Protein backbone atom coordinates (compact mmCIF):
# COMPACT_ATOMS: atom_id res chain seq x y z
CA MET A 1 65.31 84.50 -118.30
CA SER A 2 68.01 87.21 -118.40
CA LYS A 3 70.73 87.33 -121.01
CA PRO A 4 73.89 85.41 -120.09
CA LYS A 5 76.79 87.45 -118.74
CA VAL A 6 79.51 88.19 -121.33
CA HIS A 7 83.22 88.39 -120.38
CA HIS A 8 85.94 89.86 -122.62
CA TYR A 9 89.65 88.93 -122.92
CA GLU A 10 92.55 90.04 -125.06
CA TYR A 11 95.36 87.73 -126.22
CA ASP A 12 97.97 87.66 -128.97
CA VAL A 13 97.26 84.03 -129.92
CA VAL A 14 93.96 82.24 -129.25
CA ILE A 15 93.95 78.47 -129.81
CA VAL A 16 90.64 76.61 -130.07
CA GLY A 17 91.11 72.97 -129.09
CA ALA A 18 93.48 71.31 -126.61
CA GLY A 19 94.25 68.04 -128.36
CA GLY A 20 97.64 67.22 -129.86
CA ALA A 21 97.61 69.93 -132.55
CA GLY A 22 96.32 72.66 -130.23
CA MET A 23 98.79 71.94 -127.43
CA ARG A 24 101.73 71.54 -129.84
CA ALA A 25 100.81 74.96 -131.26
CA ALA A 26 100.61 76.35 -127.71
CA ILE A 27 104.10 75.05 -126.85
CA GLU A 28 105.41 76.86 -129.93
CA ALA A 29 103.45 80.08 -129.32
CA GLY A 30 103.38 80.38 -125.52
CA PRO A 31 106.99 81.44 -124.87
CA HIS A 32 106.75 84.26 -127.45
CA ALA A 33 103.20 85.61 -127.23
CA LYS A 34 100.34 85.90 -124.76
CA THR A 35 98.47 82.67 -125.54
CA ALA A 36 95.12 81.18 -124.51
CA VAL A 37 93.95 77.62 -125.19
CA ILE A 38 90.17 77.08 -125.15
CA SER A 39 88.87 73.51 -124.92
CA LYS A 40 85.44 71.90 -124.63
CA LEU A 41 87.14 69.14 -122.58
CA PHE A 42 89.87 68.94 -120.00
CA PRO A 43 92.96 68.71 -122.27
CA THR A 44 94.00 65.18 -121.34
CA ARG A 45 90.52 63.94 -122.32
CA SER A 46 91.00 65.13 -125.91
CA HIS A 47 90.66 62.50 -128.60
CA THR A 48 94.38 62.44 -129.42
CA GLY A 49 94.59 60.23 -126.33
CA ALA A 50 92.65 57.48 -128.11
CA ALA A 51 95.30 57.06 -130.84
CA GLN A 52 97.01 53.75 -130.25
CA GLY A 53 99.50 52.57 -132.80
CA GLY A 54 102.34 55.05 -133.31
CA MET A 55 103.83 58.04 -135.07
CA ALA A 56 105.68 57.65 -138.35
CA ALA A 57 109.24 58.97 -138.78
CA ALA A 58 112.07 57.75 -141.01
CA LEU A 59 114.55 57.44 -138.13
CA GLY A 60 116.07 54.27 -139.54
CA ASN A 61 116.65 52.92 -136.02
CA VAL A 62 115.62 49.35 -136.83
CA GLU A 63 115.81 49.16 -140.64
CA GLU A 64 117.17 51.43 -143.36
CA ASP A 65 114.66 54.20 -144.17
CA SER A 66 114.45 57.63 -145.80
CA TRP A 67 112.09 60.60 -145.83
CA GLU A 68 111.71 60.18 -149.62
CA TRP A 69 110.26 56.69 -149.13
CA HIS A 70 107.94 58.06 -146.45
CA THR A 71 106.82 60.84 -148.84
CA PHE A 72 106.13 58.31 -151.60
CA ASP A 73 104.10 56.09 -149.26
CA THR A 74 102.06 59.10 -148.10
CA VAL A 75 101.32 60.15 -151.69
CA LYS A 76 100.56 56.65 -152.94
CA GLY A 77 98.56 55.79 -149.83
CA GLY A 78 96.48 58.95 -150.37
CA ASP A 79 95.72 57.70 -153.91
CA TYR A 80 97.69 60.60 -155.40
CA LEU A 81 95.32 63.29 -154.10
CA VAL A 82 97.99 64.37 -151.61
CA ASP A 83 99.62 67.80 -152.10
CA GLN A 84 103.17 66.61 -152.52
CA ASP A 85 104.87 69.75 -151.20
CA ALA A 86 103.01 69.23 -147.91
CA ALA A 87 103.85 65.50 -147.87
CA GLU A 88 107.55 66.32 -148.27
CA ILE A 89 107.39 68.70 -145.29
CA LEU A 90 105.56 66.06 -143.23
CA ALA A 91 108.17 63.40 -143.98
CA LYS A 92 111.22 65.67 -143.67
CA GLU A 93 110.12 67.18 -140.35
CA SER A 94 108.97 63.86 -138.88
CA VAL A 95 112.36 63.06 -137.38
CA GLN A 96 112.59 66.40 -135.54
CA ALA A 97 108.97 66.01 -134.40
CA VAL A 98 109.83 62.70 -132.69
CA ILE A 99 113.03 64.14 -131.18
CA ASP A 100 111.03 67.12 -129.86
CA LEU A 101 108.63 64.74 -128.09
CA GLU A 102 111.49 62.63 -126.74
CA ASN A 103 113.14 65.77 -125.35
CA MET A 104 109.82 66.73 -123.73
CA GLY A 105 109.88 63.39 -121.90
CA LEU A 106 107.71 61.04 -123.94
CA PRO A 107 108.47 57.40 -122.94
CA PHE A 108 108.82 55.66 -126.32
CA ASN A 109 109.42 51.91 -126.47
CA ARG A 110 113.13 51.19 -126.86
CA THR A 111 115.37 48.77 -128.73
CA PRO A 112 117.86 46.73 -126.65
CA ASP A 113 120.56 49.35 -127.36
CA GLY A 114 118.33 52.19 -126.11
CA LYS A 115 117.15 53.75 -129.38
CA ILE A 116 113.49 54.54 -130.06
CA ASP A 117 111.94 51.28 -131.29
CA GLN A 118 109.96 51.18 -134.54
CA ARG A 119 107.40 48.76 -135.96
CA ARG A 120 105.57 48.10 -139.20
CA PHE A 121 102.34 49.80 -140.14
CA GLY A 122 99.98 49.59 -143.10
CA GLY A 123 101.20 51.20 -146.32
CA HIS A 124 104.69 52.09 -145.05
CA THR A 125 107.37 50.58 -147.29
CA ARG A 126 111.03 50.71 -148.25
CA ASP A 127 112.41 51.38 -151.75
CA HIS A 128 109.18 52.95 -153.00
CA GLY A 129 106.89 50.02 -152.32
CA LYS A 130 109.15 46.98 -152.50
CA ALA A 131 108.64 45.66 -148.94
CA PRO A 132 107.23 46.72 -145.55
CA VAL A 133 109.46 48.86 -143.33
CA ARG A 134 109.58 49.52 -139.59
CA ARG A 135 108.80 53.24 -139.40
CA SER A 136 106.27 53.68 -136.58
CA CYS A 137 107.65 55.05 -133.29
CA TYR A 138 105.40 53.92 -130.45
CA ALA A 139 104.68 53.74 -126.75
CA ALA A 140 103.05 50.27 -126.51
CA ASP A 141 99.53 50.78 -127.94
CA ARG A 142 99.01 54.02 -126.01
CA THR A 143 101.04 56.38 -128.19
CA GLY A 144 98.36 59.08 -128.48
CA HIS A 145 97.76 58.97 -124.73
CA MET A 146 101.47 59.44 -124.07
CA ILE A 147 101.70 62.32 -126.57
CA LEU A 148 98.71 64.07 -125.02
CA GLN A 149 100.06 63.74 -121.46
CA THR A 150 103.53 64.86 -122.51
CA LEU A 151 102.25 67.93 -124.38
CA TYR A 152 99.96 68.91 -121.51
CA GLN A 153 102.75 68.62 -118.93
CA ASN A 154 104.95 70.84 -121.09
CA CYS A 155 102.14 73.38 -121.51
CA VAL A 156 101.78 73.50 -117.72
CA LYS A 157 105.54 73.95 -117.39
CA LEU A 158 105.37 76.92 -119.78
CA GLY A 159 102.44 78.48 -117.91
CA ILE A 160 100.03 78.30 -120.87
CA GLU A 161 96.56 79.61 -119.90
CA PHE A 162 93.79 77.04 -120.40
CA TYR A 163 90.04 77.64 -120.43
CA ASN A 164 88.63 74.14 -119.98
CA GLU A 165 85.01 73.11 -120.64
CA PHE A 166 84.49 76.26 -122.72
CA TYR A 167 82.60 75.48 -125.95
CA VAL A 168 83.62 77.80 -128.80
CA LEU A 169 80.44 78.38 -130.81
CA ASP A 170 81.32 81.30 -133.10
CA LEU A 171 84.19 83.02 -134.89
CA VAL A 172 83.78 86.80 -135.04
CA MET A 173 84.77 88.24 -138.42
CA THR A 174 85.22 92.01 -138.76
CA LYS A 175 85.49 93.94 -142.03
CA VAL A 176 88.86 95.74 -142.33
CA ASP A 177 89.70 97.63 -145.55
CA GLY A 178 86.91 95.79 -147.33
CA GLU A 179 88.15 92.34 -146.21
CA GLU A 180 86.64 90.06 -143.55
CA ARG A 181 89.23 89.31 -140.87
CA PRO A 182 89.00 87.20 -137.69
CA SER A 183 88.88 89.26 -134.52
CA ALA A 184 87.67 86.92 -131.76
CA VAL A 185 85.93 83.70 -130.82
CA VAL A 186 82.87 83.38 -128.59
CA ALA A 187 82.77 80.54 -126.06
CA TYR A 188 80.05 79.16 -123.78
CA GLU A 189 81.25 78.17 -120.30
CA LEU A 190 79.74 74.84 -119.33
CA ALA A 191 79.92 75.44 -115.56
CA THR A 192 78.05 78.75 -115.52
CA GLY A 193 76.28 79.23 -118.86
CA GLU A 194 78.12 82.55 -119.26
CA LEU A 195 79.70 83.69 -122.53
CA HIS A 196 83.33 84.67 -123.10
CA VAL A 197 84.70 86.70 -126.02
CA PHE A 198 88.40 86.01 -126.68
CA GLN A 199 90.01 88.63 -128.89
CA GLY A 200 93.20 87.52 -130.63
CA LYS A 201 95.60 88.83 -133.25
CA SER A 202 96.02 85.22 -134.41
CA ILE A 203 93.38 82.51 -134.03
CA ILE A 204 94.18 78.80 -134.48
CA PHE A 205 91.50 76.13 -134.92
CA ALA A 206 92.59 72.66 -133.74
CA THR A 207 89.19 71.18 -132.95
CA GLY A 208 89.48 67.62 -134.29
CA GLY A 209 87.11 65.56 -136.39
CA PHE A 210 83.39 64.91 -136.81
CA GLY A 211 83.01 61.13 -136.71
CA LYS A 212 79.69 61.37 -134.86
CA ILE A 213 77.90 61.93 -138.17
CA PHE A 214 78.21 58.12 -138.37
CA LYS A 215 76.69 55.50 -136.09
CA THR A 216 79.61 53.06 -136.14
CA THR A 217 82.66 55.14 -135.27
CA SER A 218 85.84 55.04 -133.23
CA ASN A 219 85.30 58.72 -132.41
CA ALA A 220 84.31 59.95 -128.95
CA HIS A 221 80.88 61.46 -128.30
CA THR A 222 82.45 64.95 -128.33
CA LEU A 223 83.73 64.80 -131.93
CA THR A 224 80.93 66.77 -133.51
CA GLY A 225 82.89 69.00 -135.88
CA ASP A 226 82.17 72.29 -134.10
CA GLY A 227 85.30 74.03 -135.39
CA VAL A 228 84.83 72.88 -138.98
CA GLY A 229 81.14 73.81 -138.76
CA ILE A 230 81.91 77.32 -137.46
CA ILE A 231 84.30 77.96 -140.37
CA TRP A 232 81.64 76.62 -142.79
CA ARG A 233 78.95 78.94 -141.44
CA LYS A 234 81.29 81.91 -141.92
CA GLY A 235 81.22 81.34 -145.68
CA LEU A 236 84.73 79.90 -145.85
CA PRO A 237 85.23 76.73 -147.90
CA LEU A 238 85.77 73.13 -146.83
CA GLU A 239 88.13 70.88 -148.78
CA ASP A 240 87.86 67.18 -149.71
CA MET A 241 84.97 66.49 -147.34
CA GLU A 242 83.95 63.36 -149.28
CA PHE A 243 87.02 61.49 -148.02
CA TYR A 244 86.28 59.88 -144.66
CA GLN A 245 88.46 57.00 -143.56
CA PHE A 246 86.96 53.78 -142.23
CA HIS A 247 89.50 52.03 -140.04
CA PRO A 248 89.46 48.31 -140.81
CA THR A 249 89.60 46.94 -137.30
CA GLY A 250 86.80 48.31 -135.18
CA LEU A 251 85.29 45.85 -132.69
CA ALA A 252 82.33 44.34 -134.56
CA GLY A 253 79.04 46.04 -133.71
CA LEU A 254 80.70 48.66 -131.49
CA GLY A 255 83.25 50.57 -133.55
CA ILE A 256 85.76 50.72 -130.68
CA LEU A 257 89.16 50.73 -132.29
CA LEU A 258 91.73 47.95 -132.34
CA SER A 259 94.94 49.57 -133.53
CA GLU A 260 96.66 48.71 -136.79
CA ALA A 261 99.58 47.92 -134.49
CA ALA A 262 97.95 44.49 -134.05
CA ARG A 263 98.59 43.79 -137.73
CA GLY A 264 101.97 45.54 -137.49
CA GLU A 265 102.97 42.97 -134.87
CA GLY A 266 101.78 40.11 -137.08
CA GLY A 267 98.00 39.91 -136.65
CA ILE A 268 96.16 38.28 -139.57
CA LEU A 269 92.69 38.98 -140.96
CA ARG A 270 90.67 35.84 -141.75
CA ASN A 271 87.21 35.19 -143.16
CA SER A 272 84.72 32.54 -142.03
CA THR A 273 86.69 29.75 -143.75
CA GLY A 274 89.91 30.76 -141.97
CA GLU A 275 91.42 32.09 -145.21
CA ARG A 276 93.96 34.93 -144.96
CA PHE A 277 91.99 36.85 -147.56
CA MET A 278 94.29 39.90 -147.84
CA GLU A 279 96.67 37.70 -149.84
CA ARG A 280 94.15 38.02 -152.68
CA TYR A 281 93.79 41.80 -152.45
CA ALA A 282 97.38 42.91 -151.70
CA PRO A 283 99.80 40.02 -152.42
CA THR A 284 102.98 41.90 -151.44
CA ILE A 285 102.11 43.48 -148.07
CA LYS A 286 98.87 41.58 -147.35
CA ASP A 287 97.32 42.70 -144.01
CA LEU A 288 99.55 45.80 -143.99
CA ALA A 289 97.94 47.37 -147.05
CA PRO A 290 96.60 50.95 -146.65
CA ARG A 291 93.43 51.28 -144.61
CA ASP A 292 91.05 52.03 -147.47
CA MET A 293 92.09 48.85 -149.28
CA VAL A 294 91.80 46.67 -146.17
CA ALA A 295 88.41 48.17 -145.17
CA ARG A 296 87.08 47.61 -148.68
CA ALA A 297 88.38 44.03 -148.75
CA MET A 298 86.74 43.28 -145.39
CA ALA A 299 83.41 44.77 -146.49
CA ASN A 300 83.63 42.78 -149.71
CA GLU A 301 84.24 39.49 -147.89
CA VAL A 302 81.06 40.11 -145.90
CA ARG A 303 79.07 41.18 -148.97
CA GLU A 304 80.10 38.01 -150.82
CA GLY A 305 79.01 35.75 -147.96
CA ARG A 306 82.35 34.94 -146.35
CA GLY A 307 81.70 36.91 -143.19
CA ALA A 308 81.96 35.23 -139.78
CA GLY A 309 79.55 35.03 -136.86
CA PRO A 310 75.87 34.10 -136.65
CA ASN A 311 74.90 36.93 -139.02
CA LYS A 312 78.03 36.64 -141.19
CA ASP A 313 78.57 40.39 -140.72
CA TYR A 314 82.22 40.64 -139.65
CA VAL A 315 85.68 39.13 -140.23
CA LEU A 316 88.24 37.92 -137.69
CA LEU A 317 91.53 39.38 -136.48
CA ASP A 318 93.75 36.48 -135.50
CA LEU A 319 96.47 37.08 -132.89
CA THR A 320 96.52 33.51 -131.54
CA HIS A 321 99.86 32.67 -133.23
CA LEU A 322 101.64 35.52 -131.38
CA PRO A 323 103.39 34.74 -128.09
CA PRO A 324 101.32 35.98 -125.11
CA GLU A 325 104.30 38.00 -123.85
CA VAL A 326 104.42 39.96 -127.16
CA ILE A 327 100.69 40.67 -126.91
CA ASP A 328 101.06 41.78 -123.28
CA GLU A 329 104.09 44.00 -123.93
CA LYS A 330 103.09 45.65 -127.22
CA LEU A 331 99.28 45.41 -127.42
CA PRO A 332 97.98 45.56 -123.83
CA ASP A 333 95.09 47.98 -124.32
CA ILE A 334 93.54 46.60 -127.47
CA THR A 335 93.53 43.03 -126.21
CA GLU A 336 91.89 44.24 -123.01
CA PHE A 337 89.21 45.93 -125.15
CA ALA A 338 88.47 42.58 -126.82
CA ARG A 339 88.10 40.89 -123.43
CA THR A 340 86.02 43.68 -121.88
CA TYR A 341 83.62 44.52 -124.70
CA LEU A 342 83.27 41.22 -126.61
CA GLY A 343 84.27 38.62 -124.02
CA VAL A 344 86.93 37.26 -126.38
CA GLU A 345 90.35 36.03 -125.20
CA PRO A 346 92.89 37.16 -127.89
CA TYR A 347 95.49 34.60 -126.72
CA THR A 348 93.27 31.76 -127.91
CA GLU A 349 90.39 33.24 -129.97
CA PRO A 350 90.23 35.48 -133.06
CA VAL A 351 88.61 38.89 -132.48
CA PRO A 352 85.48 39.92 -134.48
CA VAL A 353 86.19 43.17 -136.39
CA PHE A 354 84.57 45.37 -139.04
CA PRO A 355 85.40 48.85 -140.47
CA THR A 356 84.52 51.85 -138.31
CA ALA A 357 84.35 55.57 -139.22
CA HIS A 358 87.68 56.87 -137.99
CA TYR A 359 89.24 59.95 -139.57
CA ALA A 360 88.33 62.94 -141.74
CA MET A 361 90.86 63.53 -144.51
CA GLY A 362 89.03 66.73 -145.47
CA GLY A 363 88.32 69.87 -143.49
CA ILE A 364 89.37 73.53 -143.30
CA PRO A 365 91.70 74.25 -146.26
CA THR A 366 95.16 75.54 -145.31
CA ASN A 367 98.54 76.08 -146.92
CA VAL A 368 101.75 74.53 -145.54
CA GLN A 369 102.10 77.37 -143.02
CA ALA A 370 98.70 76.31 -141.59
CA GLU A 371 97.09 79.56 -142.84
CA VAL A 372 93.38 79.12 -143.62
CA LEU A 373 92.39 79.74 -147.25
CA ARG A 374 89.44 81.82 -148.41
CA ASP A 375 89.48 80.15 -151.84
CA ASN A 376 92.01 78.06 -153.78
CA ASP A 377 94.97 80.22 -152.79
CA THR A 378 93.92 83.40 -150.91
CA VAL A 379 94.89 83.44 -147.23
CA VAL A 380 92.62 84.73 -144.44
CA PRO A 381 95.12 86.87 -142.46
CA GLY A 382 95.47 85.82 -138.84
CA LEU A 383 93.46 82.58 -139.13
CA TYR A 384 95.12 79.16 -138.85
CA ALA A 385 94.08 75.50 -138.59
CA ALA A 386 95.93 72.28 -137.77
CA GLY A 387 95.22 68.62 -137.06
CA GLU A 388 92.18 66.64 -138.13
CA CYS A 389 89.96 69.70 -138.54
CA ALA A 390 92.38 71.05 -141.17
CA CYS A 391 93.13 69.95 -144.73
CA VAL A 392 96.66 70.86 -145.75
CA SER A 393 96.22 67.67 -147.77
CA VAL A 394 98.95 65.45 -146.49
CA HIS A 395 96.35 62.66 -146.34
CA GLY A 396 94.69 63.05 -149.74
CA ALA A 397 92.03 60.43 -150.31
CA ASN A 398 93.27 58.07 -147.58
CA ARG A 399 95.46 58.71 -144.54
CA LEU A 400 98.26 56.28 -143.79
CA GLY A 401 98.22 54.94 -140.25
CA THR A 402 100.60 56.83 -137.88
CA ASN A 403 100.58 59.94 -140.09
CA SER A 404 97.86 61.59 -137.97
CA LEU A 405 99.97 61.81 -134.80
CA LEU A 406 102.75 63.08 -137.04
CA ASP A 407 100.45 65.65 -138.70
CA ILE A 408 99.36 67.18 -135.39
CA ASN A 409 102.96 67.60 -134.28
CA VAL A 410 104.41 68.90 -137.55
CA PHE A 411 101.57 71.23 -138.53
CA GLY A 412 100.57 72.07 -134.95
CA LYS A 413 104.12 73.34 -134.47
CA ARG A 414 103.97 75.23 -137.79
CA ALA A 415 100.61 76.80 -136.88
CA GLY A 416 101.97 78.02 -133.54
CA ALA A 417 105.10 79.47 -135.15
CA ALA A 418 103.18 81.19 -137.96
CA ALA A 419 100.59 82.60 -135.53
CA VAL A 420 103.34 84.13 -133.36
CA GLU A 421 105.10 85.61 -136.36
CA TYR A 422 101.87 87.24 -137.53
CA ALA A 423 101.00 88.51 -134.04
CA LYS A 424 104.38 90.27 -133.71
CA THR A 425 103.42 92.96 -136.22
CA ALA A 426 99.61 92.71 -136.43
CA LYS A 427 97.21 94.85 -134.46
CA HIS A 428 94.05 93.54 -132.83
CA VAL A 429 91.11 93.68 -135.22
CA PRO A 430 88.27 95.61 -133.50
CA VAL A 431 85.60 93.39 -131.95
CA PRO A 432 82.00 94.61 -132.43
CA ALA A 433 80.09 95.47 -129.23
CA ASN A 434 77.46 92.88 -130.16
CA ALA A 435 80.01 90.12 -130.86
CA ALA A 436 78.20 87.57 -128.68
CA ASP A 437 74.69 88.28 -129.98
CA GLU A 438 74.61 85.47 -132.56
CA VAL A 439 75.57 82.92 -129.92
CA ILE A 440 73.07 84.38 -127.43
CA SER A 441 70.22 84.07 -129.93
CA MET A 442 71.29 80.52 -130.95
CA ILE A 443 71.38 79.39 -127.31
CA GLU A 444 68.13 81.07 -126.30
CA LYS A 445 66.28 79.75 -129.34
CA VAL A 446 67.13 76.19 -128.30
CA ARG A 447 66.63 76.76 -124.59
CA LYS A 448 63.19 78.38 -124.96
CA SER A 449 61.90 76.09 -127.70
CA LYS A 450 58.71 74.18 -126.94
CA GLY A 451 59.11 71.85 -129.93
CA THR A 452 58.33 68.14 -129.99
CA GLU A 453 61.46 66.71 -131.64
CA LYS A 454 64.14 65.07 -129.47
CA VAL A 455 67.82 65.69 -130.22
CA ALA A 456 68.83 62.07 -129.56
CA VAL A 457 66.21 60.77 -132.00
CA LEU A 458 67.33 63.11 -134.81
CA ARG A 459 70.99 62.33 -134.18
CA LYS A 460 70.34 58.59 -134.35
CA GLU A 461 68.41 58.95 -137.63
CA LEU A 462 71.26 61.02 -139.09
CA GLN A 463 73.85 58.44 -138.05
CA ASP A 464 71.73 55.57 -139.36
CA THR A 465 71.33 57.17 -142.80
CA MET A 466 75.04 58.02 -143.04
CA ASP A 467 76.01 54.45 -142.09
CA LYS A 468 73.59 53.06 -144.64
CA ASN A 469 74.22 55.47 -147.52
CA ALA A 470 77.65 57.10 -147.22
CA GLN A 471 79.91 54.55 -145.59
CA VAL A 472 82.48 52.27 -147.32
CA TYR A 473 80.35 51.84 -150.48
CA ARG A 474 78.41 54.71 -152.08
CA THR A 475 76.23 55.33 -155.15
CA GLU A 476 74.43 58.37 -156.59
CA GLU A 477 71.17 56.83 -155.38
CA SER A 478 72.41 56.22 -151.81
CA LEU A 479 73.91 59.71 -151.55
CA ASN A 480 70.71 61.33 -152.79
CA GLU A 481 68.83 59.30 -150.19
CA ALA A 482 71.20 60.64 -147.51
CA LEU A 483 70.73 64.23 -148.75
CA ASP A 484 66.94 63.87 -148.74
CA LYS A 485 67.03 62.49 -145.19
CA ILE A 486 69.34 65.30 -144.01
CA ALA A 487 66.94 67.88 -145.52
CA GLU A 488 64.05 66.25 -143.62
CA LEU A 489 66.10 66.25 -140.40
CA ARG A 490 66.92 69.94 -140.89
CA GLU A 491 63.21 70.78 -141.00
CA ARG A 492 62.57 68.71 -137.89
CA TYR A 493 65.60 70.30 -136.17
CA GLU A 494 63.73 73.60 -136.22
CA ASN A 495 61.18 71.96 -133.91
CA ILE A 496 63.54 70.53 -131.27
CA SER A 497 63.31 71.11 -127.55
CA VAL A 498 65.58 70.38 -124.62
CA GLN A 499 64.46 69.22 -121.20
CA ASP A 500 67.14 71.11 -119.28
CA LYS A 501 66.37 74.84 -119.36
CA GLY A 502 69.08 75.72 -116.82
CA GLN A 503 72.36 77.62 -117.08
CA ARG A 504 74.82 75.33 -115.34
CA PHE A 505 76.33 72.18 -116.91
CA ASN A 506 73.59 72.11 -119.54
CA THR A 507 74.92 69.33 -121.79
CA ASP A 508 71.38 68.82 -123.13
CA LEU A 509 71.54 72.31 -124.67
CA LEU A 510 75.03 71.83 -126.08
CA GLU A 511 74.19 68.48 -127.68
CA ALA A 512 71.34 70.23 -129.50
CA ILE A 513 73.76 72.84 -130.85
CA GLU A 514 76.29 70.14 -131.79
CA LEU A 515 73.60 68.35 -133.79
CA GLY A 516 73.29 71.46 -135.94
CA PHE A 517 76.99 71.22 -136.83
CA LEU A 518 76.66 67.48 -137.54
CA LEU A 519 73.79 68.12 -139.96
CA ASP A 520 75.84 70.78 -141.78
CA LEU A 521 78.89 68.57 -142.18
CA ALA A 522 76.95 65.43 -143.13
CA GLU A 523 75.29 67.41 -145.93
CA VAL A 524 78.63 68.67 -147.26
CA LEU A 525 80.10 65.15 -147.12
CA ALA A 526 77.15 63.61 -148.97
CA LEU A 527 77.03 66.33 -151.62
CA THR A 528 80.77 66.34 -152.41
CA SER A 529 80.67 62.52 -152.47
CA ARG A 530 77.90 62.71 -155.07
CA GLU A 531 79.82 65.24 -157.18
CA ARG A 532 83.03 63.15 -157.21
CA ARG A 533 82.00 60.61 -159.83
CA GLU A 534 84.94 58.24 -159.46
CA SER A 535 86.41 55.89 -156.86
CA ARG A 536 89.57 57.03 -155.09
CA GLY A 537 91.03 56.08 -151.71
CA ALA A 538 88.38 55.95 -149.00
CA HIS A 539 85.68 57.14 -151.44
CA LEU A 540 84.30 54.16 -153.37
CA ARG A 541 81.46 54.75 -155.82
CA GLU A 542 79.91 51.48 -156.98
CA ASP A 543 78.47 53.31 -159.99
CA PHE A 544 81.91 54.79 -160.90
CA LEU A 545 84.40 52.11 -159.88
CA ALA A 546 87.43 53.46 -161.77
CA ARG A 547 89.73 56.24 -160.59
CA ASP A 548 89.44 59.10 -163.07
CA ASP A 549 92.66 61.14 -163.08
CA GLU A 550 91.60 63.11 -166.15
CA LYS A 551 88.56 64.68 -164.44
CA PHE A 552 89.10 64.21 -160.72
CA MET A 553 92.81 64.59 -159.96
CA VAL A 554 91.60 67.68 -158.06
CA HIS A 555 90.51 68.64 -154.55
CA SER A 556 86.85 69.43 -153.99
CA MET A 557 86.13 72.88 -152.50
CA ALA A 558 82.62 73.30 -151.06
CA TYR A 559 81.16 76.78 -150.43
CA LEU A 560 78.00 77.73 -148.56
CA THR A 561 75.97 80.21 -150.67
CA ASP A 562 72.95 82.43 -150.10
CA LYS A 563 71.01 80.58 -152.78
CA PRO A 564 67.63 79.27 -151.53
CA ALA A 565 67.70 75.47 -151.21
CA LYS A 566 64.72 74.29 -153.27
CA LYS A 567 66.18 70.80 -153.14
CA PRO A 568 68.88 69.27 -150.87
CA GLY A 569 72.33 70.77 -151.42
CA ASP A 570 71.12 73.66 -153.61
CA ASN A 571 72.81 76.21 -151.37
CA ILE A 572 76.22 74.50 -151.64
CA LYS A 573 78.55 75.25 -154.53
CA VAL A 574 81.29 72.71 -155.29
CA GLY A 575 84.45 73.94 -157.00
CA TRP A 576 87.76 72.22 -157.67
CA LYS A 577 91.40 72.93 -156.85
CA PRO A 578 94.47 71.42 -158.56
CA VAL A 579 96.55 68.87 -156.66
CA ILE A 580 100.18 69.96 -156.15
CA VAL A 581 102.42 67.37 -157.83
CA THR A 582 106.22 67.50 -157.42
CA ASN A 583 107.87 64.08 -157.96
CA TYR A 584 105.21 61.38 -158.15
CA GLN A 585 102.80 61.06 -161.06
CA PRO A 586 99.61 59.04 -160.50
CA MET A 587 100.03 55.33 -161.09
CA GLU A 588 98.10 52.19 -160.31
CA ARG A 589 98.08 51.34 -156.60
CA LYS A 590 99.46 47.83 -156.33
CA TYR A 591 100.68 46.43 -153.02
């Protein structure tokens, strides 16, 4: 079979990913620089659209609020691993981020006097933790969907160039004055099988998360961590990969998300005896505690035999005391999910729920200008990241609900602005003539393989081991078991084959390549989880139950090395980076 055709383009700003962060960056960059947005999906199918509950901002429309309280909640919710300078920016710029979206046409729910309505959400409080506060701006339980549609419409209005169903599979780095600099990305076009090299002065990664390393997840099938994996393979570090959030209320057995908005509107979690068990774990804010605490409490109820159902393997979300008109107006989608997927009527029956893998707190390390870091503080010129794939560390060890939609808007905007500013004076870094060769050889190796291993089988085994060994509860033993299994799967991955050998719409081929990224990221997550010998936020080690601020009030920084891997994880070096503390010293997390 002949080599795929390779096309070349030249832009000032190249954005990889067309979710909320990517399109917000494009809106900022497009009017000032020649901008391209490359997406493996049609933009309005990006996973931002699945976000339900809301976007935090201290507007004070319904109750008194302040950005300082929001900052404190973000830091405390993240179990003090949050970089506090970044959290201050997030909270301060939240109000403008909401106003920007309103001016773009986003249809927020309104109060009777016409202001943007706000509701409660887990971990958001007034007066530094004294009581819950209404801070979440929302559009029913379809807030992410509305944000995605609004951003896309505004991108179209601005004439932003989109390349849809183009899978970016490599970042081209070129040595300039002894330093590796980004010069282009290489993308595979799904419709034709042809390759496209996009040269850019500035390159922004906004590629989302990697929840498909787990079996039970709220993430779409496409969230395979390609962008994070590409950065990893280029020898750049990944930060805080051990922290993966498990959202408390996934539909039991399925992982499909029921928004925290259900608890924000008054939903109650109950065990098999009907007890409102969160009163024992978080007496002040009960069901509105941060997600890591609620997920842990739910898992503990099941472990201690108070789970509901025939197998006692879930708890119940009770909405039956809410008026049907409130459910219909403010929670239409999630109640329909319960009816459709579980056959449960939320008006009259509690909904079976259990934690589901939801959000990566870690990822590509950046500073507050969204510039990617080569180490603890050295910037890679011209390379940016924003959204879930990035770790500016506003989420620390546990992201507060509604801060993700805020993050993509605040730091997506900052990434776009910084990328334009850099592109104004930078020159294009030369792209090697053989820029696409690595991708060509990766694709052809998979396409021509006559191996016996099936991609779907390996992916399922990976997801099963991660669910079993690296989910809500972890131990050294379970993490070593995960690492051993990943090493075995890596060997078997060398012997995969795909049925579809064609060029056009070959999703079989792309799923095989995505599995390679999943294996990489699962290994980094398991290894950094093993090296963090404490419990903090979403990372709970049963063999190290205490939080250890003396040793581990630091971010993990994982590096891929050239060292031969005689045993699992040998070729990964884990370093540490200080947490930036401004106003809030670590204290016990009581709610």
